[in-house]
Amino acid sequence: LLLEFSTKYRVVALDLRGCGASEKPPGRDSYQLEILVEDIRQVI
């Protein structure tokens, strides 16, 4: 999709918190739903 849609859009494929090359803070509390949503809000 990065290739398919990049002529019309700024395509951004995000590594979510704790995944891929994004940082991985320890502990279950770092992955609460509201924290994950806030990550995406700040990216937008």
PDB file of all heavy atoms in Angstrom:
ATOM      1  N   LEU A   1       0.828  -1.212   0.000  1.00  0.00           N
ATOM      2  CA  LEU A   1       0.000   0.000   0.000  1.00  0.00           C
ATOM      3  C   LEU A   1       0.859   1.258   0.000  1.00  0.00           C
ATOM      4  O   LEU A   1       0.444   2.295  -0.530  1.00  0.00           O
ATOM      5  CB  LEU A   1      -0.948   0.007   1.197  1.00  0.00           C
ATOM      6  CG  LEU A   1      -2.017  -1.077   1.223  1.00  0.00           C
ATOM      7  CD1 LEU A   1      -3.030  -0.799   2.324  1.00  0.00           C
ATOM      8  CD2 LEU A   1      -2.734  -1.179  -0.107  1.00  0.00           C
ATOM      9  N   LEU A   2       2.044   1.182   0.593  1.00  0.00           N
ATOM     10  CA  LEU A   2       2.963   2.331   0.532  1.00  0.00           C
ATOM     11  C   LEU A   2       3.271   2.687  -0.914  1.00  0.00           C
ATOM     12  O   LEU A   2       3.355   3.867  -1.272  1.00  0.00           O
ATOM     13  CB  LEU A   2       4.253   2.013   1.289  1.00  0.00           C
ATOM     14  CG  LEU A   2       4.196   2.108   2.814  1.00  0.00           C
ATOM     15  CD1 LEU A   2       5.366   1.364   3.447  1.00  0.00           C
ATOM     16  CD2 LEU A   2       4.212   3.571   3.263  1.00  0.00           C
ATOM     17  N   LEU A   3       3.432   1.676  -1.729  1.00  0.00           N
ATOM     18  CA  LEU A   3       3.709   1.916  -3.152  1.00  0.00           C
ATOM     19  C   LEU A   3       2.451   2.329  -3.904  1.00  0.00           C
ATOM     20  O   LEU A   3       2.482   3.223  -4.751  1.00  0.00           O
ATOM     21  CB  LEU A   3       4.309   0.659  -3.782  1.00  0.00           C
ATOM     22  CG  LEU A   3       5.673   0.198  -3.248  1.00  0.00           C
ATOM     23  CD1 LEU A   3       6.039  -1.155  -3.846  1.00  0.00           C
ATOM     24  CD2 LEU A   3       6.742   1.226  -3.564  1.00  0.00           C
ATOM     25  N   GLU A   4       1.354   1.699  -3.599  1.00  0.00           N
ATOM     26  CA  GLU A   4       0.118   1.887  -4.356  1.00  0.00           C
ATOM     27  C   GLU A   4      -0.461   3.282  -4.211  1.00  0.00           C
ATOM     28  O   GLU A   4      -0.936   3.883  -5.176  1.00  0.00           O
ATOM     29  CB  GLU A   4      -0.918   0.842  -3.919  1.00  0.00           C
ATOM     30  CG  GLU A   4      -2.235   0.910  -4.647  1.00  0.00           C
ATOM     31  CD  GLU A   4      -2.122   0.460  -6.095  1.00  0.00           C
ATOM     32  OE1 GLU A   4      -1.189  -0.311  -6.412  1.00  0.00           O
ATOM     33  OE2 GLU A   4      -2.979   0.869  -6.895  1.00  0.00           O
ATOM     34  N   PHE A   5      -0.431   3.836  -2.992  1.00  0.00           N
ATOM     35  CA  PHE A   5      -1.157   5.074  -2.721  1.00  0.00           C
ATOM     36  C   PHE A   5      -0.268   6.311  -2.570  1.00  0.00           C
ATOM     37  O   PHE A   5      -0.778   7.401  -2.336  1.00  0.00           O
ATOM     38  CB  PHE A   5      -2.001   4.910  -1.448  1.00  0.00           C
ATOM     39  CG  PHE A   5      -3.158   3.968  -1.619  1.00  0.00           C
ATOM     40  CD1 PHE A   5      -3.121   2.695  -1.069  1.00  0.00           C
ATOM     41  CD2 PHE A   5      -4.274   4.343  -2.347  1.00  0.00           C
ATOM     42  CE1 PHE A   5      -4.186   1.815  -1.227  1.00  0.00           C
ATOM     43  CE2 PHE A   5      -5.344   3.476  -2.516  1.00  0.00           C
ATOM     44  CZ  PHE A   5      -5.300   2.207  -1.954  1.00  0.00           C
ATOM     45  N   SER A   6       1.035   6.148  -2.722  1.00  0.00           N
ATOM     46  CA  SER A   6       1.932   7.277  -2.455  1.00  0.00           C
ATOM     47  C   SER A   6       1.908   8.357  -3.519  1.00  0.00           C
ATOM     48  O   SER A   6       2.482   9.433  -3.321  1.00  0.00           O
ATOM     49  CB  SER A   6       3.365   6.771  -2.262  1.00  0.00           C
ATOM     50  OG  SER A   6       3.815   6.088  -3.416  1.00  0.00           O
ATOM     51  N   THR A   7       1.265   8.111  -4.650  1.00  0.00           N
ATOM     52  CA  THR A   7       1.161   9.170  -5.652  1.00  0.00           C
ATOM     53  C   THR A   7       0.106  10.208  -5.267  1.00  0.00           C
ATOM     54  O   THR A   7       0.169  11.350  -5.714  1.00  0.00           O
ATOM     55  CB  THR A   7       0.803   8.581  -7.031  1.00  0.00           C
ATOM     56  OG1 THR A   7      -0.410   7.829  -6.914  1.00  0.00           O
ATOM     57  CG2 THR A   7       1.924   7.675  -7.522  1.00  0.00           C
ATOM     58  N   LYS A   8      -0.852   9.823  -4.421  1.00  0.00           N
ATOM     59  CA  LYS A   8      -1.937  10.733  -4.046  1.00  0.00           C
ATOM     60  C   LYS A   8      -1.914  11.131  -2.579  1.00  0.00           C
ATOM     61  O   LYS A   8      -2.509  12.141  -2.207  1.00  0.00           O
ATOM     62  CB  LYS A   8      -3.290  10.079  -4.353  1.00  0.00           C
ATOM     63  CG  LYS A   8      -3.549   9.820  -5.812  1.00  0.00           C
ATOM     64  CD  LYS A   8      -4.877   9.121  -6.022  1.00  0.00           C
ATOM     65  CE  LYS A   8      -6.045   9.918  -5.478  1.00  0.00           C
ATOM     66  NZ  LYS A   8      -7.350   9.242  -5.745  1.00  0.00           N
ATOM     67  N   TYR A   9      -1.232  10.322  -1.740  1.00  0.00           N
ATOM     68  CA  TYR A   9      -1.270  10.554  -0.296  1.00  0.00           C
ATOM     69  C   TYR A   9       0.135  10.520   0.291  1.00  0.00           C
ATOM     70  O   TYR A   9       1.064   9.968  -0.298  1.00  0.00           O
ATOM     71  CB  TYR A   9      -2.112   9.477   0.403  1.00  0.00           C
ATOM     72  CG  TYR A   9      -3.534   9.412  -0.072  1.00  0.00           C
ATOM     73  CD1 TYR A   9      -3.935   8.461  -1.012  1.00  0.00           C
ATOM     74  CD2 TYR A   9      -4.494  10.296   0.412  1.00  0.00           C
ATOM     75  CE1 TYR A   9      -5.248   8.397  -1.456  1.00  0.00           C
ATOM     76  CE2 TYR A   9      -5.819  10.241  -0.027  1.00  0.00           C
ATOM     77  CZ  TYR A   9      -6.178   9.285  -0.960  1.00  0.00           C
ATOM     78  OH  TYR A   9      -7.472   9.214  -1.401  1.00  0.00           O
ATOM     79  N   ARG A  10       0.248  11.122   1.476  1.00  0.00           N
ATOM     80  CA  ARG A  10       1.421  10.884   2.299  1.00  0.00           C
ATOM     81  C   ARG A  10       1.102   9.642   3.140  1.00  0.00           C
ATOM     82  O   ARG A  10       0.387   9.712   4.128  1.00  0.00           O
ATOM     83  CB  ARG A  10       1.723  12.069   3.214  1.00  0.00           C
ATOM     84  CG  ARG A  10       2.976  11.852   4.053  1.00  0.00           C
ATOM     85  CD  ARG A  10       3.179  12.947   5.083  1.00  0.00           C
ATOM     86  NE  ARG A  10       4.482  12.822   5.700  1.00  0.00           N
ATOM     87  CZ  ARG A  10       4.899  13.559   6.727  1.00  0.00           C
ATOM     88  NH1 ARG A  10       4.106  14.488   7.247  1.00  0.00           N
ATOM     89  NH2 ARG A  10       6.111  13.382   7.233  1.00  0.00           N
ATOM     90  N   VAL A  11       1.614   8.510   2.712  1.00  0.00           N
ATOM     91  CA  VAL A  11       1.285   7.242   3.353  1.00  0.00           C
ATOM     92  C   VAL A  11       2.269   7.004   4.496  1.00  0.00           C
ATOM     93  O   VAL A  11       3.489   7.056   4.296  1.00  0.00           O
ATOM     94  CB  VAL A  11       1.334   6.074   2.359  1.00  0.00           C
ATOM     95  CG1 VAL A  11       0.797   4.809   3.002  1.00  0.00           C
ATOM     96  CG2 VAL A  11       0.536   6.410   1.100  1.00  0.00           C
ATOM     97  N   VAL A  12       1.750   6.745   5.682  1.00  0.00           N
ATOM     98  CA  VAL A  12       2.579   6.490   6.858  1.00  0.00           C
ATOM     99  C   VAL A  12       2.174   5.153   7.453  1.00  0.00           C
ATOM    100  O   VAL A  12       1.024   4.969   7.850  1.00  0.00           O
ATOM    101  CB  VAL A  12       2.426   7.609   7.911  1.00  0.00           C
ATOM    102  CG1 VAL A  12       3.123   7.213   9.210  1.00  0.00           C
ATOM    103  CG2 VAL A  12       2.990   8.920   7.386  1.00  0.00           C
ATOM    104  N   ALA A  13       3.113   4.204   7.475  1.00  0.00           N
ATOM    105  CA  ALA A  13       2.901   2.906   8.110  1.00  0.00           C
ATOM    106  C   ALA A  13       3.616   2.941   9.453  1.00  0.00           C
ATOM    107  O   ALA A  13       4.846   2.995   9.520  1.00  0.00           O
ATOM    108  CB  ALA A  13       3.442   1.785   7.231  1.00  0.00           C
ATOM    109  N   LEU A  14       2.843   2.917  10.520  1.00  0.00           N
ATOM    110  CA  LEU A  14       3.361   3.111  11.870  1.00  0.00           C
ATOM    111  C   LEU A  14       3.649   1.777  12.546  1.00  0.00           C
ATOM    112  O   LEU A  14       2.875   0.829  12.415  1.00  0.00           O
ATOM    113  CB  LEU A  14       2.329   3.883  12.692  1.00  0.00           C
ATOM    114  CG  LEU A  14       2.658   4.194  14.154  1.00  0.00           C
ATOM    115  CD1 LEU A  14       3.787   5.207  14.245  1.00  0.00           C
ATOM    116  CD2 LEU A  14       1.411   4.717  14.876  1.00  0.00           C
ATOM    117  N   ASP A  15       4.767   1.705  13.258  1.00  0.00           N
ATOM    118  CA  ASP A  15       4.985   0.624  14.207  1.00  0.00           C
ATOM    119  C   ASP A  15       4.351   1.050  15.525  1.00  0.00           C
ATOM    120  O   ASP A  15       4.794   2.029  16.150  1.00  0.00           O
ATOM    121  CB  ASP A  15       6.479   0.370  14.426  1.00  0.00           C
ATOM    122  CG  ASP A  15       7.093  -0.532  13.372  1.00  0.00           C
ATOM    123  OD1 ASP A  15       6.347  -1.262  12.698  1.00  0.00           O
ATOM    124  OD2 ASP A  15       8.330  -0.510  13.224  1.00  0.00           O
ATOM    125  N   LEU A  16       3.322   0.351  15.955  1.00  0.00           N
ATOM    126  CA  LEU A  16       2.676   0.691  17.210  1.00  0.00           C
ATOM    127  C   LEU A  16       3.648   0.530  18.376  1.00  0.00           C
ATOM    128  O   LEU A  16       4.649  -0.186  18.285  1.00  0.00           O
ATOM    129  CB  LEU A  16       1.448  -0.201  17.430  1.00  0.00           C
ATOM    130  CG  LEU A  16       0.319  -0.064  16.403  1.00  0.00           C
ATOM    131  CD1 LEU A  16      -0.740  -1.133  16.642  1.00  0.00           C
ATOM    132  CD2 LEU A  16      -0.304   1.329  16.469  1.00  0.00           C
ATOM    133  N   ARG A  17       3.341   1.198  19.451  1.00  0.00           N
ATOM    134  CA  ARG A  17       4.133   1.101  20.681  1.00  0.00           C
ATOM    135  C   ARG A  17       4.404  -0.374  21.021  1.00  0.00           C
ATOM    136  O   ARG A  17       3.510  -1.206  21.042  1.00  0.00           O
ATOM    137  CB  ARG A  17       3.358   1.761  21.814  1.00  0.00           C
ATOM    138  CG  ARG A  17       3.914   1.539  23.207  1.00  0.00           C
ATOM    139  CD  ARG A  17       2.967   2.045  24.257  1.00  0.00           C
ATOM    140  NE  ARG A  17       2.858   3.495  24.228  1.00  0.00           N
ATOM    141  CZ  ARG A  17       3.209   4.311  25.231  1.00  0.00           C
ATOM    142  NH1 ARG A  17       3.676   3.797  26.354  1.00  0.00           N
ATOM    143  NH2 ARG A  17       3.055   5.615  25.124  1.00  0.00           N
ATOM    144  N   GLY A  18       5.678  -0.678  21.269  1.00  0.00           N
ATOM    145  CA  GLY A  18       6.045  -2.039  21.642  1.00  0.00           C
ATOM    146  C   GLY A  18       6.220  -2.994  20.485  1.00  0.00           C
ATOM    147  O   GLY A  18       6.530  -4.170  20.690  1.00  0.00           O
ATOM    148  N   CYS A  19       6.048  -2.507  19.253  1.00  0.00           N
ATOM    149  CA  CYS A  19       6.106  -3.372  18.075  1.00  0.00           C
ATOM    150  C   CYS A  19       7.169  -2.875  17.099  1.00  0.00           C
ATOM    151  O   CYS A  19       7.493  -1.691  17.070  1.00  0.00           O
ATOM    152  CB  CYS A  19       4.750  -3.418  17.373  1.00  0.00           C
ATOM    153  SG  CYS A  19       3.385  -3.964  18.412  1.00  0.00           S
ATOM    154  N   GLY A  20       7.673  -3.793  16.277  1.00  0.00           N
ATOM    155  CA  GLY A  20       8.629  -3.415  15.244  1.00  0.00           C
ATOM    156  C   GLY A  20       9.817  -2.679  15.826  1.00  0.00           C
ATOM    157  O   GLY A  20      10.430  -3.104  16.812  1.00  0.00           O
ATOM    158  N   ALA A  21      10.130  -1.526  15.224  1.00  0.00           N
ATOM    159  CA  ALA A  21      11.273  -0.731  15.659  1.00  0.00           C
ATOM    160  C   ALA A  21      10.893   0.393  16.620  1.00  0.00           C
ATOM    161  O   ALA A  21      11.741   1.204  16.982  1.00  0.00           O
ATOM    162  CB  ALA A  21      11.991  -0.152  14.437  1.00  0.00           C
ATOM    163  N   SER A  22       9.620   0.471  17.008  1.00  0.00           N
ATOM    164  CA  SER A  22       9.222   1.466  18.009  1.00  0.00           C
ATOM    165  C   SER A  22       9.715   1.031  19.384  1.00  0.00           C
ATOM    166  O   SER A  22       9.978  -0.158  19.633  1.00  0.00           O
ATOM    167  CB  SER A  22       7.691   1.620  18.042  1.00  0.00           C
ATOM    168  OG  SER A  22       7.239   2.318  16.909  1.00  0.00           O
ATOM    169  N   GLU A  23       9.845   1.998  20.280  1.00  0.00           N
ATOM    170  CA  GLU A  23      10.329   1.679  21.617  1.00  0.00           C
ATOM    171  C   GLU A  23       9.333   0.786  22.344  1.00  0.00           C
ATOM    172  O   GLU A  23       8.128   0.820  22.070  1.00  0.00           O
ATOM    173  CB  GLU A  23      10.604   2.959  22.401  1.00  0.00           C
ATOM    174  CG  GLU A  23      11.841   3.690  21.919  1.00  0.00           C
ATOM    175  CD  GLU A  23      12.270   4.802  22.849  1.00  0.00           C
ATOM    176  OE1 GLU A  23      11.404   5.404  23.509  1.00  0.00           O
ATOM    177  OE2 GLU A  23      13.484   5.083  22.898  1.00  0.00           O
ATOM    178  N   LYS A  24       9.862   0.018  23.282  1.00  0.00           N
ATOM    179  CA  LYS A  24       9.080  -0.997  23.989  1.00  0.00           C
ATOM    180  C   LYS A  24       9.209  -0.795  25.492  1.00  0.00           C
ATOM    181  O   LYS A  24       9.993  -1.493  26.150  1.00  0.00           O
ATOM    182  CB  LYS A  24       9.559  -2.384  23.571  1.00  0.00           C
ATOM    183  CG  LYS A  24       9.480  -2.633  22.066  1.00  0.00           C
ATOM    184  CD  LYS A  24      10.192  -3.905  21.658  1.00  0.00           C
ATOM    185  CE  LYS A  24      10.051  -4.156  20.162  1.00  0.00           C
ATOM    186  NZ  LYS A  24      10.600  -3.061  19.346  1.00  0.00           N
ATOM    187  N   PRO A  25       8.475   0.145  26.059  1.00  0.00           N
ATOM    188  CA  PRO A  25       8.554   0.330  27.504  1.00  0.00           C
ATOM    189  C   PRO A  25       8.113  -0.932  28.225  1.00  0.00           C
ATOM    190  O   PRO A  25       7.188  -1.611  27.790  1.00  0.00           O
ATOM    191  CB  PRO A  25       7.599   1.497  27.770  1.00  0.00           C
ATOM    192  CG  PRO A  25       6.686   1.531  26.596  1.00  0.00           C
ATOM    193  CD  PRO A  25       7.498   1.056  25.437  1.00  0.00           C
ATOM    194  N   PRO A  26       8.780  -1.278  29.336  1.00  0.00           N
ATOM    195  CA  PRO A  26       8.420  -2.503  30.054  1.00  0.00           C
ATOM    196  C   PRO A  26       7.138  -2.315  30.854  1.00  0.00           C
ATOM    197  O   PRO A  26       6.737  -1.200  31.162  1.00  0.00           O
ATOM    198  CB  PRO A  26       9.622  -2.721  30.984  1.00  0.00           C
ATOM    199  CG  PRO A  26      10.143  -1.330  31.230  1.00  0.00           C
ATOM    200  CD  PRO A  26       9.918  -0.572  29.958  1.00  0.00           C
ATOM    201  N   GLY A  27       6.510  -3.432  31.152  1.00  0.00           N
ATOM    202  CA  GLY A  27       5.365  -3.391  32.045  1.00  0.00           C
ATOM    203  C   GLY A  27       4.039  -3.305  31.324  1.00  0.00           C
ATOM    204  O   GLY A  27       3.878  -2.576  30.345  1.00  0.00           O
ATOM    205  N   ARG A  28       3.076  -4.055  31.837  1.00  0.00           N
ATOM    206  CA  ARG A  28       1.744  -4.115  31.245  1.00  0.00           C
ATOM    207  C   ARG A  28       1.046  -2.753  31.231  1.00  0.00           C
ATOM    208  O   ARG A  28       0.313  -2.428  30.304  1.00  0.00           O
ATOM    209  CB  ARG A  28       0.916  -5.131  32.039  1.00  0.00           C
ATOM    210  CG  ARG A  28      -0.542  -5.176  31.716  1.00  0.00           C
ATOM    211  CD  ARG A  28      -1.218  -6.287  32.498  1.00  0.00           C
ATOM    212  NE  ARG A  28      -2.670  -6.209  32.413  1.00  0.00           N
ATOM    213  CZ  ARG A  28      -3.487  -7.131  32.871  1.00  0.00           C
ATOM    214  NH1 ARG A  28      -2.997  -8.206  33.461  1.00  0.00           N
ATOM    215  NH2 ARG A  28      -4.789  -6.993  32.760  1.00  0.00           N
ATOM    216  N   ASP A  29       1.270  -1.941  32.261  1.00  0.00           N
ATOM    217  CA  ASP A  29       0.565  -0.661  32.368  1.00  0.00           C
ATOM    218  C   ASP A  29       0.902   0.299  31.236  1.00  0.00           C
ATOM    219  O   ASP A  29       0.151   1.241  30.979  1.00  0.00           O
ATOM    220  CB  ASP A  29       0.874   0.005  33.716  1.00  0.00           C
ATOM    221  CG  ASP A  29       0.207  -0.713  34.879  1.00  0.00           C
ATOM    222  OD1 ASP A  29      -0.677  -1.556  34.619  1.00  0.00           O
ATOM    223  OD2 ASP A  29       0.583  -0.454  36.032  1.00  0.00           O
ATOM    224  N   SER A  30       2.018   0.080  30.557  1.00  0.00           N
ATOM    225  CA  SER A  30       2.417   0.961  29.450  1.00  0.00           C
ATOM    226  C   SER A  30       1.619   0.709  28.177  1.00  0.00           C
ATOM    227  O   SER A  30       1.799   1.430  27.190  1.00  0.00           O
ATOM    228  CB  SER A  30       3.910   0.781  29.142  1.00  0.00           C
ATOM    229  OG  SER A  30       4.712   1.185  30.236  1.00  0.00           O
ATOM    230  N   TYR A  31       0.737  -0.303  28.207  1.00  0.00           N
ATOM    231  CA  TYR A  31      -0.004  -0.684  27.007  1.00  0.00           C
ATOM    232  C   TYR A  31      -1.509  -0.656  27.239  1.00  0.00           C
ATOM    233  O   TYR A  31      -2.254  -1.390  26.598  1.00  0.00           O
ATOM    234  CB  TYR A  31       0.468  -2.063  26.534  1.00  0.00           C
ATOM    235  CG  TYR A  31       1.939  -2.054  26.216  1.00  0.00           C
ATOM    236  CD1 TYR A  31       2.870  -2.373  27.204  1.00  0.00           C
ATOM    237  CD2 TYR A  31       2.413  -1.649  24.977  1.00  0.00           C
ATOM    238  CE1 TYR A  31       4.233  -2.316  26.935  1.00  0.00           C
ATOM    239  CE2 TYR A  31       3.763  -1.582  24.703  1.00  0.00           C
ATOM    240  CZ  TYR A  31       4.678  -1.919  25.694  1.00  0.00           C
ATOM    241  OH  TYR A  31       6.018  -1.836  25.432  1.00  0.00           O
ATOM    242  N   GLN A  32      -1.943   0.210  28.141  1.00  0.00           N
ATOM    243  CA  GLN A  32      -3.373   0.397  28.343  1.00  0.00           C
ATOM    244  C   GLN A  32      -3.981   1.083  27.130  1.00  0.00           C
ATOM    245  O   GLN A  32      -3.324   1.855  26.424  1.00  0.00           O
ATOM    246  CB  GLN A  32      -3.620   1.213  29.606  1.00  0.00           C
ATOM    247  CG  GLN A  32      -3.161   0.519  30.874  1.00  0.00           C
ATOM    248  CD  GLN A  32      -3.351   1.370  32.112  1.00  0.00           C
ATOM    249  OE1 GLN A  32      -4.197   2.259  32.134  1.00  0.00           O
ATOM    250  NE2 GLN A  32      -2.557   1.118  33.131  1.00  0.00           N
ATOM    251  N   LEU A  33      -5.250   0.802  26.893  1.00  0.00           N
ATOM    252  CA  LEU A  33      -5.914   1.254  25.670  1.00  0.00           C
ATOM    253  C   LEU A  33      -5.832   2.766  25.490  1.00  0.00           C
ATOM    254  O   LEU A  33      -5.538   3.260  24.390  1.00  0.00           O
ATOM    255  CB  LEU A  33      -7.368   0.798  25.685  1.00  0.00           C
ATOM    256  CG  LEU A  33      -8.140   0.963  24.381  1.00  0.00           C
ATOM    257  CD1 LEU A  33      -7.530   0.121  23.270  1.00  0.00           C
ATOM    258  CD2 LEU A  33      -9.611   0.578  24.576  1.00  0.00           C
ATOM    259  N   GLU A  34      -6.065   3.515  26.541  1.00  0.00           N
ATOM    260  CA  GLU A  34      -6.054   4.974  26.415  1.00  0.00           C
ATOM    261  C   GLU A  34      -4.660   5.497  26.071  1.00  0.00           C
ATOM    262  O   GLU A  34      -4.523   6.511  25.372  1.00  0.00           O
ATOM    263  CB  GLU A  34      -6.575   5.635  27.691  1.00  0.00           C
ATOM    264  CG  GLU A  34      -5.804   5.326  28.954  1.00  0.00           C
ATOM    265  CD  GLU A  34      -6.335   4.103  29.688  1.00  0.00           C
ATOM    266  OE1 GLU A  34      -7.005   3.269  29.044  1.00  0.00           O
ATOM    267  OE2 GLU A  34      -6.070   3.986  30.909  1.00  0.00           O
ATOM    268  N   ILE A  35      -3.615   4.800  26.524  1.00  0.00           N
ATOM    269  CA  ILE A  35      -2.249   5.209  26.194  1.00  0.00           C
ATOM    270  C   ILE A  35      -1.958   4.938  24.724  1.00  0.00           C
ATOM    271  O   ILE A  35      -1.344   5.755  24.029  1.00  0.00           O
ATOM    272  CB  ILE A  35      -1.240   4.467  27.096  1.00  0.00           C
ATOM    273  CG1 ILE A  35      -1.415   4.906  28.548  1.00  0.00           C
ATOM    274  CG2 ILE A  35       0.181   4.709  26.631  1.00  0.00           C
ATOM    275  CD1 ILE A  35      -0.541   4.140  29.538  1.00  0.00           C
ATOM    276  N   LEU A  36      -2.404   3.797  24.227  1.00  0.00           N
ATOM    277  CA  LEU A  36      -2.206   3.454  22.815  1.00  0.00           C
ATOM    278  C   LEU A  36      -2.935   4.433  21.900  1.00  0.00           C
ATOM    279  O   LEU A  36      -2.409   4.845  20.859  1.00  0.00           O
ATOM    280  CB  LEU A  36      -2.692   2.028  22.562  1.00  0.00           C
ATOM    281  CG  LEU A  36      -2.030   0.927  23.394  1.00  0.00           C
ATOM    282  CD1 LEU A  36      -2.732  -0.407  23.162  1.00  0.00           C
ATOM    283  CD2 LEU A  36      -0.547   0.818  23.072  1.00  0.00           C
ATOM    284  N   VAL A  37      -4.155   4.795  22.293  1.00  0.00           N
ATOM    285  CA  VAL A  37      -4.920   5.761  21.495  1.00  0.00           C
ATOM    286  C   VAL A  37      -4.245   7.123  21.513  1.00  0.00           C
ATOM    287  O   VAL A  37      -4.185   7.821  20.491  1.00  0.00           O
ATOM    288  CB  VAL A  37      -6.370   5.857  22.029  1.00  0.00           C
ATOM    289  CG1 VAL A  37      -7.125   6.992  21.347  1.00  0.00           C
ATOM    290  CG2 VAL A  37      -7.104   4.539  21.792  1.00  0.00           C
ATOM    291  N   GLU A  38      -3.701   7.515  22.646  1.00  0.00           N
ATOM    292  CA  GLU A  38      -3.021   8.805  22.739  1.00  0.00           C
ATOM    293  C   GLU A  38      -1.789   8.842  21.838  1.00  0.00           C
ATOM    294  O   GLU A  38      -1.481   9.871  21.237  1.00  0.00           O
ATOM    295  CB  GLU A  38      -2.633   9.085  24.191  1.00  0.00           C
ATOM    296  CG  GLU A  38      -1.852  10.374  24.418  1.00  0.00           C
ATOM    297  CD  GLU A  38      -2.612  11.635  24.016  1.00  0.00           C
ATOM    298  OE1 GLU A  38      -3.855  11.573  23.825  1.00  0.00           O
ATOM    299  OE2 GLU A  38      -1.958  12.692  23.885  1.00  0.00           O
ATOM    300  N   ASP A  39      -1.078   7.716  21.722  1.00  0.00           N
ATOM    301  CA  ASP A  39       0.049   7.644  20.780  1.00  0.00           C
ATOM    302  C   ASP A  39      -0.407   8.022  19.374  1.00  0.00           C
ATOM    303  O   ASP A  39       0.231   8.828  18.681  1.00  0.00           O
ATOM    304  CB  ASP A  39       0.621   6.228  20.737  1.00  0.00           C
ATOM    305  CG  ASP A  39       1.476   5.883  21.946  1.00  0.00           C
ATOM    306  OD1 ASP A  39       1.845   6.792  22.705  1.00  0.00           O
ATOM    307  OD2 ASP A  39       1.769   4.686  22.115  1.00  0.00           O
ATOM    308  N   ILE A  40      -1.516   7.425  18.945  1.00  0.00           N
ATOM    309  CA  ILE A  40      -1.998   7.664  17.586  1.00  0.00           C
ATOM    310  C   ILE A  40      -2.474   9.102  17.425  1.00  0.00           C
ATOM    311  O   ILE A  40      -2.243   9.733  16.391  1.00  0.00           O
ATOM    312  CB  ILE A  40      -3.120   6.669  17.247  1.00  0.00           C
ATOM    313  CG1 ILE A  40      -2.579   5.236  17.343  1.00  0.00           C
ATOM    314  CG2 ILE A  40      -3.677   6.920  15.848  1.00  0.00           C
ATOM    315  CD1 ILE A  40      -3.653   4.177  17.314  1.00  0.00           C
ATOM    316  N   ARG A  41      -3.135   9.623  18.442  1.00  0.00           N
ATOM    317  CA  ARG A  41      -3.580  11.021  18.375  1.00  0.00           C
ATOM    318  C   ARG A  41      -2.396  11.951  18.155  1.00  0.00           C
ATOM    319  O   ARG A  41      -2.449  12.867  17.322  1.00  0.00           O
ATOM    320  CB  ARG A  41      -4.322  11.417  19.653  1.00  0.00           C
ATOM    321  CG  ARG A  41      -4.953  12.815  19.582  1.00  0.00           C
ATOM    322  CD  ARG A  41      -5.349  13.343  20.944  1.00  0.00           C
ATOM    323  NE  ARG A  41      -4.196  13.616  21.770  1.00  0.00           N
ATOM    324  CZ  ARG A  41      -3.449  14.714  21.666  1.00  0.00           C
ATOM    325  NH1 ARG A  41      -3.723  15.642  20.749  1.00  0.00           N
ATOM    326  NH2 ARG A  41      -2.410  14.900  22.460  1.00  0.00           N
ATOM    327  N   GLN A  42      -1.319  11.718  18.870  1.00  0.00           N
ATOM    328  CA  GLN A  42      -0.158  12.586  18.732  1.00  0.00           C
ATOM    329  C   GLN A  42       0.515  12.420  17.377  1.00  0.00           C
ATOM    330  O   GLN A  42       1.047  13.390  16.825  1.00  0.00           O
ATOM    331  CB  GLN A  42       0.835  12.309  19.861  1.00  0.00           C
ATOM    332  CG  GLN A  42       0.328  12.753  21.229  1.00  0.00           C
ATOM    333  CD  GLN A  42       1.401  12.704  22.292  1.00  0.00           C
ATOM    334  OE1 GLN A  42       2.576  12.918  22.032  1.00  0.00           O
ATOM    335  NE2 GLN A  42       1.000  12.423  23.524  1.00  0.00           N
ATOM    336  N   VAL A  43       0.486  11.216  16.831  1.00  0.00           N
ATOM    337  CA  VAL A  43       1.034  11.009  15.483  1.00  0.00           C
ATOM    338  C   VAL A  43       0.233  11.813  14.468  1.00  0.00           C
ATOM    339  O   VAL A  43       0.807  12.467  13.573  1.00  0.00           O
ATOM    340  CB  VAL A  43       1.034   9.509  15.124  1.00  0.00           C
ATOM    341  CG1 VAL A  43       1.324   9.315  13.638  1.00  0.00           C
ATOM    342  CG2 VAL A  43       2.057   8.758  15.963  1.00  0.00           C
ATOM    343  N   ILE A  44      -1.087  11.785  14.579  1.00  0.00           N
ATOM    344  CA  ILE A  44      -1.923  12.554  13.647  1.00  0.00           C
ATOM    345  C   ILE A  44      -1.684  14.050  13.817  1.00  0.00           C
ATOM    346  O   ILE A  44      -1.592  14.795  12.837  1.00  0.00           O
ATOM    347  CB  ILE A  44      -3.406  12.213  13.854  1.00  0.00           C
ATOM    348  CG1 ILE A  44      -3.661  10.733  13.543  1.00  0.00           C
ATOM    349  CG2 ILE A  44      -4.291  13.085  12.956  1.00  0.00           C
ATOM    350  CD1 ILE A  44      -5.059  10.266  13.892  1.00  0.00           C
TER     351      ILE A  44
END
